Protein backbone atom coordinates (compact mmCIF):
# COMPACT_ATOMS: atom_id res chain seq x y z
CA MET A 1 -7.90 25.85 -36.31
CA ALA A 2 -8.73 23.32 -32.61
CA VAL A 3 -6.95 19.94 -32.24
CA THR A 4 -8.19 17.47 -29.99
CA PHE A 5 -6.10 13.81 -29.40
CA ASP A 6 -7.71 10.98 -28.13
CA LEU A 7 -5.63 9.57 -25.19
CA PHE A 8 -4.97 5.94 -25.03
CA GLY A 9 -3.65 4.63 -27.81
CA THR A 10 -2.79 7.24 -29.78
CA LEU A 11 -0.35 10.18 -27.17
CA VAL A 12 0.63 6.73 -24.72
CA ASP A 13 -0.40 2.99 -24.56
CA ILE A 14 -1.48 1.84 -20.70
CA GLU A 15 -1.36 -1.47 -20.00
CA TYR A 16 -4.71 -3.05 -19.29
CA PRO A 17 -6.03 -5.97 -16.91
CA THR A 18 -6.02 -9.35 -19.04
CA ASP A 19 -9.49 -10.12 -17.34
CA PRO A 20 -10.92 -6.75 -15.28
CA ALA A 21 -14.07 -7.84 -13.75
CA GLU A 22 -10.80 -10.41 -12.32
CA ALA A 23 -9.16 -6.97 -11.43
CA VAL A 24 -12.09 -5.48 -9.76
CA ALA A 25 -13.50 -8.58 -7.57
CA ARG A 26 -10.24 -8.69 -6.07
CA GLU A 27 -10.38 -4.34 -5.16
CA LEU A 28 -13.68 -4.90 -3.86
CA GLU A 29 -12.41 -8.06 -1.87
CA ALA A 30 -9.67 -6.48 -0.54
CA ARG A 31 -12.64 -4.15 1.05
CA ASN A 32 -14.33 -6.43 2.14
CA VAL A 33 -17.16 -6.59 -0.29
CA HIS A 34 -19.07 -9.58 -0.92
CA VAL A 35 -18.01 -10.90 -4.74
CA PRO A 36 -20.61 -13.07 -5.84
CA ASP A 37 -19.29 -16.76 -6.99
CA ASP A 38 -20.54 -15.82 -11.14
CA TRP A 39 -19.48 -12.62 -10.85
CA HIS A 40 -17.97 -12.54 -14.36
CA LEU A 41 -21.17 -13.08 -16.07
CA ALA A 42 -22.88 -10.33 -13.76
CA TYR A 43 -19.98 -8.16 -14.57
CA GLY A 44 -20.72 -8.55 -18.50
CA GLU A 45 -23.85 -7.86 -18.29
CA VAL A 46 -26.25 -4.85 -18.50
CA HIS A 47 -27.36 -3.11 -15.80
CA VAL A 48 -27.87 0.24 -16.36
CA ASP A 49 -30.67 1.28 -18.83
CA ALA A 50 -28.28 4.53 -20.82
CA PRO A 51 -28.92 6.11 -23.71
CA GLU A 52 -26.82 5.47 -26.81
CA GLY A 53 -23.96 6.67 -26.59
CA ALA A 54 -23.84 8.05 -23.43
CA SER A 55 -21.54 6.65 -20.95
CA VAL A 56 -21.69 4.85 -18.19
CA PRO A 57 -19.20 5.07 -15.34
CA LEU A 58 -17.46 1.50 -14.27
CA PRO A 59 -17.98 2.34 -9.97
CA ALA A 60 -22.13 2.39 -11.08
CA HIS A 61 -21.54 -0.33 -13.36
CA VAL A 62 -20.15 -2.64 -11.09
CA ALA A 63 -22.73 -1.45 -7.98
CA HIS A 64 -25.41 -2.19 -10.22
CA ALA A 65 -23.61 -5.62 -11.44
CA LEU A 66 -23.51 -6.54 -7.17
CA ALA A 67 -26.97 -5.11 -6.73
CA SER A 68 -27.89 -7.66 -9.72
CA ARG A 69 -26.62 -10.41 -7.37
CA GLY A 70 -28.47 -8.86 -3.76
CA VAL A 71 -24.73 -7.17 -2.57
CA ASP A 72 -24.70 -3.64 -1.45
CA VAL A 73 -21.49 -1.44 -1.85
CA SER A 74 -21.02 2.08 -1.39
CA ASP A 75 -19.45 4.38 -3.66
CA ASN A 76 -16.87 4.80 -1.93
CA ALA A 77 -15.82 1.31 -2.00
CA ALA A 78 -16.88 0.50 -5.47
CA ARG A 79 -15.38 3.73 -6.93
CA HIS A 80 -12.06 3.06 -5.12
CA ALA A 81 -12.00 -0.48 -6.45
CA VAL A 82 -12.27 0.04 -9.84
CA VAL A 83 -9.16 3.21 -9.73
CA ALA A 84 -7.68 0.29 -8.04
CA ALA A 85 -8.34 -2.38 -10.53
CA PHE A 86 -7.26 0.20 -13.48
CA ASP A 87 -4.11 1.80 -11.66
CA PRO A 88 -2.24 1.95 -15.66
CA ASP A 89 1.95 1.50 -16.88
CA VAL A 90 2.49 3.69 -18.28
CA ALA A 91 3.96 4.89 -21.80
CA VAL A 92 3.92 8.02 -24.36
CA ARG A 93 4.12 7.39 -28.00
CA GLU A 94 7.08 8.31 -29.86
CA GLY A 95 6.49 12.32 -31.20
CA ALA A 96 3.02 12.84 -28.79
CA SER A 97 5.25 15.50 -27.34
CA GLU A 98 5.95 16.91 -30.35
CA ALA A 99 2.58 16.36 -32.48
CA ILE A 100 0.79 18.41 -29.10
CA GLU A 101 3.57 21.73 -29.68
CA ALA A 102 2.56 21.86 -33.44
CA ALA A 103 -0.83 21.92 -32.33
CA GLY A 104 -0.41 24.20 -29.90
CA ASP A 105 1.48 26.61 -32.28
CA ARG A 106 -2.00 26.50 -33.93
CA GLY A 107 -4.65 27.03 -32.17
CA PRO A 108 -6.09 25.47 -28.76
CA VAL A 109 -5.13 21.60 -28.33
CA GLY A 110 -7.58 19.61 -25.93
CA ILE A 111 -7.70 16.04 -24.52
CA LEU A 112 -11.18 14.14 -25.93
CA SER A 113 -10.98 10.37 -24.48
CA ASN A 114 -13.41 7.83 -23.40
CA CYS A 115 -13.14 7.12 -20.57
CA SER A 116 -15.19 5.43 -17.99
CA VAL A 117 -13.17 5.20 -15.10
CA PRO A 118 -12.44 8.39 -12.32
CA GLU A 119 -9.14 9.37 -12.58
CA LEU A 120 -7.84 7.78 -15.27
CA VAL A 121 -7.17 10.62 -17.53
CA PRO A 122 -5.67 13.06 -15.32
CA ARG A 123 -3.97 10.13 -14.21
CA THR A 124 -2.11 8.59 -17.11
CA LEU A 125 -1.78 12.45 -17.77
CA VAL A 126 0.50 13.10 -14.94
CA ARG A 127 2.33 9.76 -15.70
CA ALA A 128 3.58 10.76 -19.41
CA GLY A 129 4.19 13.92 -17.78
CA LEU A 130 1.30 15.42 -19.90
CA ARG A 131 -0.26 17.29 -17.61
CA GLY A 132 -0.96 21.06 -17.68
CA GLU A 133 -0.46 21.07 -21.85
CA PHE A 134 -3.86 21.83 -22.30
CA ASP A 135 -6.32 23.80 -22.83
CA ALA A 136 -9.20 21.14 -21.94
CA VAL A 137 -9.80 18.26 -21.04
CA THR A 138 -13.12 16.00 -21.65
CA THR A 139 -13.96 13.01 -21.78
CA SER A 140 -16.88 10.35 -21.56
CA ILE A 141 -17.38 10.14 -17.94
CA GLY A 142 -16.96 13.47 -17.06
CA CYS A 143 -19.51 14.82 -20.41
CA GLY A 144 -22.18 11.86 -20.52
CA TRP A 145 -21.53 10.72 -24.04
CA ARG A 146 -18.85 8.77 -25.81
CA LYS A 147 -17.05 9.11 -29.18
CA PRO A 148 -18.28 8.81 -32.08
CA HIS A 149 -22.09 10.26 -30.38
CA PRO A 150 -22.02 14.26 -31.70
CA LYS A 151 -22.53 15.17 -28.52
CA ALA A 152 -19.09 13.84 -27.58
CA PHE A 153 -17.37 16.06 -29.92
CA GLU A 154 -19.64 19.16 -28.65
CA ALA A 155 -18.57 18.53 -25.29
CA ALA A 156 -14.91 18.98 -26.27
CA ALA A 157 -15.65 22.07 -28.57
CA ASP A 158 -17.91 23.38 -25.99
CA ALA A 159 -14.39 22.97 -23.79
CA LEU A 160 -12.16 24.59 -25.95
CA GLY A 161 -14.17 28.30 -26.76
CA VAL A 162 -14.47 26.83 -30.58
CA ALA A 163 -17.07 24.95 -32.87
CA VAL A 164 -16.99 22.07 -33.81
CA ALA A 165 -16.56 21.72 -36.98
CA ASP A 166 -13.04 23.85 -37.07
CA ILE A 167 -11.91 20.70 -35.28
CA THR A 168 -9.71 18.43 -35.84
CA HIS A 169 -9.41 14.86 -34.08
CA VAL A 170 -6.49 12.71 -33.73
CA GLY A 171 -7.04 9.53 -32.65
CA ASP A 172 -6.24 5.82 -32.91
CA ASP A 173 -10.15 4.18 -34.01
CA PRO A 174 -11.56 5.49 -37.24
CA ALA A 175 -15.28 3.80 -35.79
CA GLN A 176 -15.02 5.62 -32.63
CA ASP A 177 -12.78 8.80 -33.21
CA GLY A 178 -14.27 9.32 -36.49
CA GLY A 179 -17.26 10.53 -35.85
CA ILE A 180 -15.70 13.95 -35.82
CA GLU A 181 -16.22 13.80 -39.51
CA ALA A 182 -20.52 13.58 -38.98
CA VAL A 183 -20.37 17.15 -37.64
CA GLY A 184 -17.92 18.70 -39.74
CA GLY A 185 -14.87 18.87 -38.17
CA ARG A 186 -11.53 16.42 -39.45
CA PHE A 187 -10.25 13.21 -38.61
CA LEU A 188 -6.54 11.91 -38.64
CA ASP A 189 -5.46 8.72 -38.00
CA VAL A 190 -2.49 8.13 -35.84
CA THR A 191 -2.52 4.36 -37.56
CA GLU A 192 -2.29 6.04 -40.53
CA THR A 193 -0.43 9.58 -40.11
CA SER A 194 2.21 9.12 -37.64
CA LEU A 195 2.50 11.03 -34.73
CA SER A 196 6.03 12.36 -35.83
CA ASP A 197 4.09 13.49 -39.15
CA LEU A 198 1.14 15.07 -37.71
CA PRO A 199 2.59 18.62 -38.34
CA THR A 200 2.72 17.93 -41.89
CA ARG A 201 -0.93 17.54 -42.04
CA LEU A 202 -2.09 19.85 -39.09
CA GLU A 203 0.24 22.31 -41.62
CA ALA A 204 -2.63 21.42 -44.86
CA ARG A 205 -4.86 22.61 -43.34
CA ARG A 206 -3.80 26.28 -42.32
């Protein structure tokens, strides 16, 4: 049996900017990028025609939003602004380390996280003291697909070297994380089963 964990809201809590558009705007201006007067409107619009379920990296969205208002920005400037705007304080959730250890006793363990911000997942793992605890880390920005799309779970399975139906996915969002059930896997909801109780639930699957 393989286990994958969602990251944000499952293993860790982070504080997101209360106004992401404003946070990105400040970082763009710090890099001498002109921010249009209707930036909040531009930020909220769809600018990249992506397939349903595909992951659009936030720097690409920001660059296209600026371009829609006649502002050119380099890829590096957009990326650095986004990374800086989402530089998190991280709190590890109670029972996380024990849950990861229990999962590792049963087979390969991975992360499968919806995240459109470059560097956010590895930076979070470092700050949480969880770097190196997983056999594979799969993100939507890395594989190109967001949960609940089947390809996101398939990418995580490929990274772990297992069949997708052999995965138990642990997360906090039935609409996203629960998508594992559509491809034959098992979903454990941490809003119903605490991380501290997870070893018992995993034992029941063996």
